[in-house]
């Protein structure tokens, strides 16, 4: 997905959420002052036909549902490698881009109409302008119709011929080989790291063994020297005591 498409998606999502948040804040501050028989739904003439405070959350639920559905389908669209039509790579990318844009526009229209126009009319208890309501309905209907129309246009404009199919298969094969080689290289690096770590441990163990052997040899060498010095010292003491006795 291009940077421009990502930016458009972010802007559309933020605006849709903003409509909902503003409507929720307005309802929060106006809740205590709303009557129980407040008008919450409109007929084809723009006048209220349902009066029940408990149904005032209807436009909010529709807005959240529309945002959730559009975002889910956009996520699926971005993750799919192929969109399901027999088109070449260019057509596949064009279909993905068009689908995301239509979903973004549909999400914004739902949010703007229900959380913007509908909620404003309910909170102010003003009938809905029939022209605005019909325009919003026509736009929503046009966005829904745009899906099959876009599919047909792209299918006709970017047909998948044998050459493009061969190129796509070669590209997929190259991607698979690249992924396989990357995986093999990663496995090889992990094996090398394990071998290096094991070698370091062995070297450390050998070094410790060598140090222990050297310490044992040094202690074994020092022991006889210490015993001989002790014997010499004892002899000197015995000789000195004997000389002392003789003098006496």
Protein backbone atom coordinates (compact mmCIF):
# COMPACT_ATOMS: atom_id res chain seq x y z
CA UNK A 1 0.00 0.00 0.00
CA UNK A 2 1.39 3.37 -1.06
CA UNK A 3 2.08 6.22 1.37
CA UNK A 4 -0.69 8.34 -0.18
CA UNK A 5 -3.22 5.55 0.27
CA UNK A 6 -2.11 5.01 3.87
CA UNK A 7 -2.42 8.72 4.60
CA UNK A 8 -5.91 8.83 3.05
CA UNK A 9 -6.99 5.85 5.12
CA UNK A 10 -5.69 7.44 8.33
CA UNK A 11 -7.46 10.74 7.60
CA UNK A 12 -10.77 9.01 6.80
CA UNK A 13 -10.57 6.89 9.95
CA UNK A 14 -9.75 9.85 12.18
CA UNK A 15 -12.63 11.90 10.75
CA UNK A 16 -15.06 9.01 11.21
CA UNK A 17 -14.03 8.54 14.83
CA UNK A 18 -14.17 12.29 15.39
CA UNK A 19 -17.81 12.42 14.25
CA UNK A 20 -18.65 9.65 16.70
CA UNK A 21 -16.72 11.17 19.63
CA UNK A 22 -18.30 14.61 19.19
CA UNK A 23 -21.77 13.06 19.01
CA UNK A 24 -21.11 10.99 22.14
CA UNK A 25 -19.90 14.06 24.07
CA UNK A 26 -22.97 16.05 23.03
CA UNK A 27 -25.28 13.26 24.18
CA UNK A 28 -23.46 12.99 27.51
CA UNK A 29 -23.99 16.65 28.38
CA UNK A 30 -27.57 16.77 27.03
CA UNK A 31 -28.81 13.48 28.52
CA UNK A 32 -30.40 14.90 31.70
CA UNK A 33 -32.33 17.55 29.79
CA UNK A 34 -33.79 15.15 27.19
CA UNK A 35 -37.47 14.18 27.59
CA UNK A 36 -38.53 10.53 27.73
CA UNK A 37 -40.68 10.87 24.60
CA UNK A 38 -37.90 12.39 22.49
CA UNK A 39 -38.06 11.76 18.75
CA UNK A 40 -35.26 9.43 17.62
CA UNK A 41 -36.23 8.19 14.13
CA UNK A 42 -37.37 9.84 10.91
CA UNK A 43 -39.81 8.88 8.18
CA UNK A 44 -39.38 9.56 4.47
CA UNK A 45 -40.63 13.14 4.95
CA UNK A 46 -37.94 13.90 7.54
CA UNK A 47 -40.38 14.00 10.46
CA UNK A 48 -40.06 11.95 13.66
CA UNK A 49 -41.95 8.67 13.66
CA UNK A 50 -40.44 7.01 16.78
CA UNK A 51 -40.49 8.68 20.21
CA UNK A 52 -38.49 6.75 22.79
CA UNK A 53 -35.42 7.88 24.73
CA UNK A 54 -34.12 4.31 24.98
CA UNK A 55 -33.67 4.17 21.19
CA UNK A 56 -31.53 7.29 21.06
CA UNK A 57 -28.38 5.13 20.80
CA UNK A 58 -29.43 3.83 17.38
CA UNK A 59 -27.19 6.18 15.29
CA UNK A 60 -24.23 5.53 17.58
CA UNK A 61 -24.53 1.76 17.18
CA UNK A 62 -24.81 2.12 13.40
CA UNK A 63 -21.70 4.32 13.31
CA UNK A 64 -19.56 1.94 15.37
CA UNK A 65 -20.77 -1.06 13.38
CA UNK A 66 -19.95 0.67 10.09
CA UNK A 67 -16.44 1.63 11.26
CA UNK A 68 -15.75 -1.88 12.56
CA UNK A 69 -16.99 -3.60 9.38
CA UNK A 70 -15.09 -1.27 7.02
CA UNK A 71 -11.86 -1.54 9.03
CA UNK A 72 -12.13 -5.35 9.10
CA UNK A 73 -12.63 -5.61 5.34
CA UNK A 74 -9.79 -3.15 4.72
CA UNK A 75 -7.46 -5.25 6.86
CA UNK A 76 -8.43 -8.38 4.93
CA UNK A 77 -7.94 -6.54 1.63
CA UNK A 78 -4.42 -5.43 2.60
CA UNK A 79 -3.43 -8.94 3.68
CA UNK A 80 -4.65 -10.69 0.52
CA UNK A 81 -2.04 -11.28 -2.18
CA UNK A 82 -4.72 -11.80 -4.84
CA UNK A 83 -8.15 -10.21 -4.83
CA UNK A 84 -9.86 -13.16 -6.49
CA UNK A 85 -10.32 -11.75 -10.01
CA UNK A 86 -8.62 -13.14 -13.10
CA UNK A 87 -6.55 -9.99 -13.66
CA UNK A 88 -2.84 -9.26 -13.99
CA UNK A 89 -0.69 -7.79 -11.25
CA UNK A 90 -1.53 -4.20 -12.21
CA UNK A 91 -5.24 -4.97 -12.08
CA UNK A 92 -4.85 -6.72 -8.76
CA UNK A 93 -3.16 -3.65 -7.24
CA UNK A 94 -5.74 -1.31 -8.79
CA UNK A 95 -8.58 -3.42 -7.38
CA UNK A 96 -7.02 -3.41 -3.91
CA UNK A 97 -6.58 0.37 -4.00
CA UNK A 98 -10.12 1.00 -5.25
CA UNK A 99 -11.62 -1.33 -2.63
CA UNK A 100 -9.81 0.41 0.23
CA UNK A 101 -10.83 3.87 -1.02
CA UNK A 102 -14.49 2.86 -1.38
CA UNK A 103 -14.51 1.34 2.11
CA UNK A 104 -12.95 4.50 3.54
CA UNK A 105 -15.55 6.70 1.83
CA UNK A 106 -18.37 4.42 2.95
CA UNK A 107 -17.13 4.55 6.56
CA UNK A 108 -16.92 8.34 6.49
CA UNK A 109 -20.40 8.71 4.98
CA UNK A 110 -21.99 6.42 7.58
CA UNK A 111 -20.25 8.25 10.42
CA UNK A 112 -21.02 11.73 9.06
CA UNK A 113 -24.68 10.98 8.39
CA UNK A 114 -25.60 9.07 11.56
CA UNK A 115 -23.25 10.63 14.14
CA UNK A 116 -23.35 14.07 12.50
CA UNK A 117 -26.66 14.91 10.82
CA UNK A 118 -28.92 12.36 12.53
CA UNK A 119 -27.66 13.01 16.07
CA UNK A 120 -27.82 16.78 15.59
CA UNK A 121 -31.47 16.58 14.50
CA UNK A 122 -32.34 14.32 17.44
CA UNK A 123 -30.62 16.45 20.08
CA UNK A 124 -32.12 19.67 18.73
CA UNK A 125 -35.48 17.97 17.95
CA UNK A 126 -35.52 19.44 14.46
CA UNK A 127 -36.94 17.53 11.47
CA UNK A 128 -34.33 16.27 9.05
CA UNK A 129 -34.00 18.14 5.81
CA UNK A 130 -35.31 15.77 3.15
CA UNK A 131 -32.81 16.98 0.57
CA UNK A 132 -29.83 16.29 2.88
CA UNK A 133 -31.24 12.94 3.95
CA UNK A 134 -31.84 11.82 0.38
CA UNK A 135 -28.41 13.00 -0.76
CA UNK A 136 -26.79 11.01 2.06
CA UNK A 137 -28.82 7.92 1.15
CA UNK A 138 -27.93 8.28 -2.53
CA UNK A 139 -24.21 8.60 -1.69
CA UNK A 140 -24.31 5.51 0.51
CA UNK A 141 -26.13 3.59 -2.21
CA UNK A 142 -23.60 4.80 -4.81
CA UNK A 143 -20.69 3.56 -2.69
CA UNK A 144 -22.29 0.14 -2.35
CA UNK A 145 -22.95 -0.04 -6.11
CA UNK A 146 -19.34 1.08 -6.76
CA UNK A 147 -18.00 -2.30 -5.62
CA UNK A 148 -19.41 -4.47 -8.43
CA UNK A 149 -18.91 -1.70 -11.00
CA UNK A 150 -15.23 -1.38 -10.04
CA UNK A 151 -14.77 -5.15 -10.20
CA UNK A 152 -16.24 -5.29 -13.72
CA UNK A 153 -14.21 -2.33 -15.02
CA UNK A 154 -10.91 -3.67 -13.69
CA UNK A 155 -11.70 -7.18 -14.93
CA UNK A 156 -12.24 -5.84 -18.45
CA UNK A 157 -9.31 -3.37 -18.41
CA UNK A 158 -6.67 -5.67 -16.90
CA UNK A 159 -7.35 -9.20 -18.16
CA UNK A 160 -4.97 -11.93 -17.14
CA UNK A 161 -3.30 -13.35 -20.27
CA UNK A 162 -0.82 -16.22 -20.49
CA UNK A 163 2.19 -13.92 -20.52
CA UNK A 164 1.15 -12.04 -17.39
CA UNK A 165 0.21 -15.34 -15.74
CA UNK A 166 3.68 -16.69 -16.48
CA UNK A 167 5.26 -13.52 -15.12
CA UNK A 168 3.13 -13.69 -11.97
CA UNK A 169 4.02 -17.34 -11.44
CA UNK A 170 7.70 -16.55 -11.92
CA UNK A 171 7.45 -13.69 -9.45
CA UNK A 172 5.70 -15.90 -6.92
CA UNK A 173 8.30 -18.61 -7.43
CA UNK A 174 11.09 -16.06 -6.94
CA UNK A 175 9.42 -14.82 -3.74
CA UNK A 176 9.09 -18.39 -2.47
CA UNK A 177 12.76 -19.08 -3.23
CA UNK A 178 13.75 -15.84 -1.53
CA UNK A 179 11.72 -16.72 1.55
CA UNK A 180 13.17 -20.25 1.56
CA UNK A 181 16.73 -19.00 1.23
CA UNK A 182 16.16 -16.45 3.99
CA UNK A 183 14.76 -19.20 6.20
CA UNK A 184 17.70 -21.50 5.41
CA UNK A 185 20.15 -18.70 6.10
CA UNK A 186 18.45 -17.93 9.39
CA UNK A 187 18.58 -21.61 10.38
CA UNK A 188 22.24 -21.76 9.37
CA UNK A 189 23.04 -18.68 11.45
CA UNK A 190 21.21 -20.14 14.44
CA UNK A 191 23.15 -23.42 14.07
CA UNK A 192 26.44 -21.52 13.79
CA UNK A 193 25.60 -19.52 16.91
CA UNK A 194 24.82 -22.72 18.81
CA UNK A 195 28.08 -24.34 17.68
CA UNK A 196 30.05 -21.23 18.64
CA UNK A 197 28.39 -21.11 22.03
CA UNK A 198 29.10 -24.82 22.61
CA UNK A 199 32.72 -24.34 21.55
CA UNK A 200 33.08 -21.43 24.00
CA UNK A 201 31.67 -23.56 26.79
CA UNK A 202 34.11 -26.39 25.95
CA UNK A 203 37.06 -23.99 25.88
CA UNK A 204 35.99 -22.57 29.22
CA UNK A 205 35.69 -26.06 30.71
CA UNK A 206 39.12 -27.06 29.37
CA UNK A 207 40.62 -23.87 30.79
CA UNK A 208 39.10 -24.57 34.18
CA UNK A 209 40.41 -28.17 34.08
CA UNK A 210 43.89 -26.93 33.18
CA UNK A 211 43.82 -24.39 36.02
CA UNK A 212 42.70 -27.09 38.47
CA UNK A 213 45.48 -29.45 37.36
CA UNK A 214 48.07 -26.68 37.72
CA UNK A 215 46.79 -25.89 41.19
CA UNK A 216 46.96 -29.57 42.19
CA UNK A 217 50.55 -29.88 40.88
CA UNK A 218 51.61 -26.75 42.75
CA UNK A 219 50.08 -28.02 45.98
CA UNK A 220 51.72 -31.41 45.47
CA UNK A 221 55.12 -29.72 44.90
CA UNK A 222 54.77 -27.44 47.92
CA UNK A 223 53.82 -30.28 50.30
CA UNK A 224 57.23 -32.15 50.30
CA UNK A 225 59.14 -28.89 50.61
CA UNK A 226 57.05 -27.93 53.60
CA UNK A 227 57.58 -31.36 55.25
CA UNK A 228 61.38 -31.26 54.65
CA UNK A 229 61.60 -27.78 56.15
CA UNK A 230 59.62 -28.97 59.12
CA UNK A 231 61.93 -31.95 59.62
CA UNK A 232 65.02 -29.73 59.39
CA UNK A 233 63.53 -27.35 61.90
CA UNK A 234 62.74 -30.23 64.29
CA UNK A 235 66.31 -31.58 63.96
CA UNK A 236 67.71 -28.15 64.75
CA UNK A 237 65.54 -27.94 67.84
CA UNK A 238 66.58 -31.45 69.01
CA UNK A 239 70.25 -30.66 68.43
CA UNK A 240 69.99 -27.41 70.34
CA UNK A 241 68.29 -29.09 73.30
CA UNK A 242 70.94 -31.85 73.33
CA UNK A 243 73.78 -29.31 73.37
CA UNK A 244 72.09 -27.52 76.22
CA UNK A 245 71.94 -30.74 78.26
CA UNK A 246 75.60 -31.49 77.56
CA UNK A 247 76.62 -28.08 78.86
CA UNK A 248 74.77 -28.67 82.03
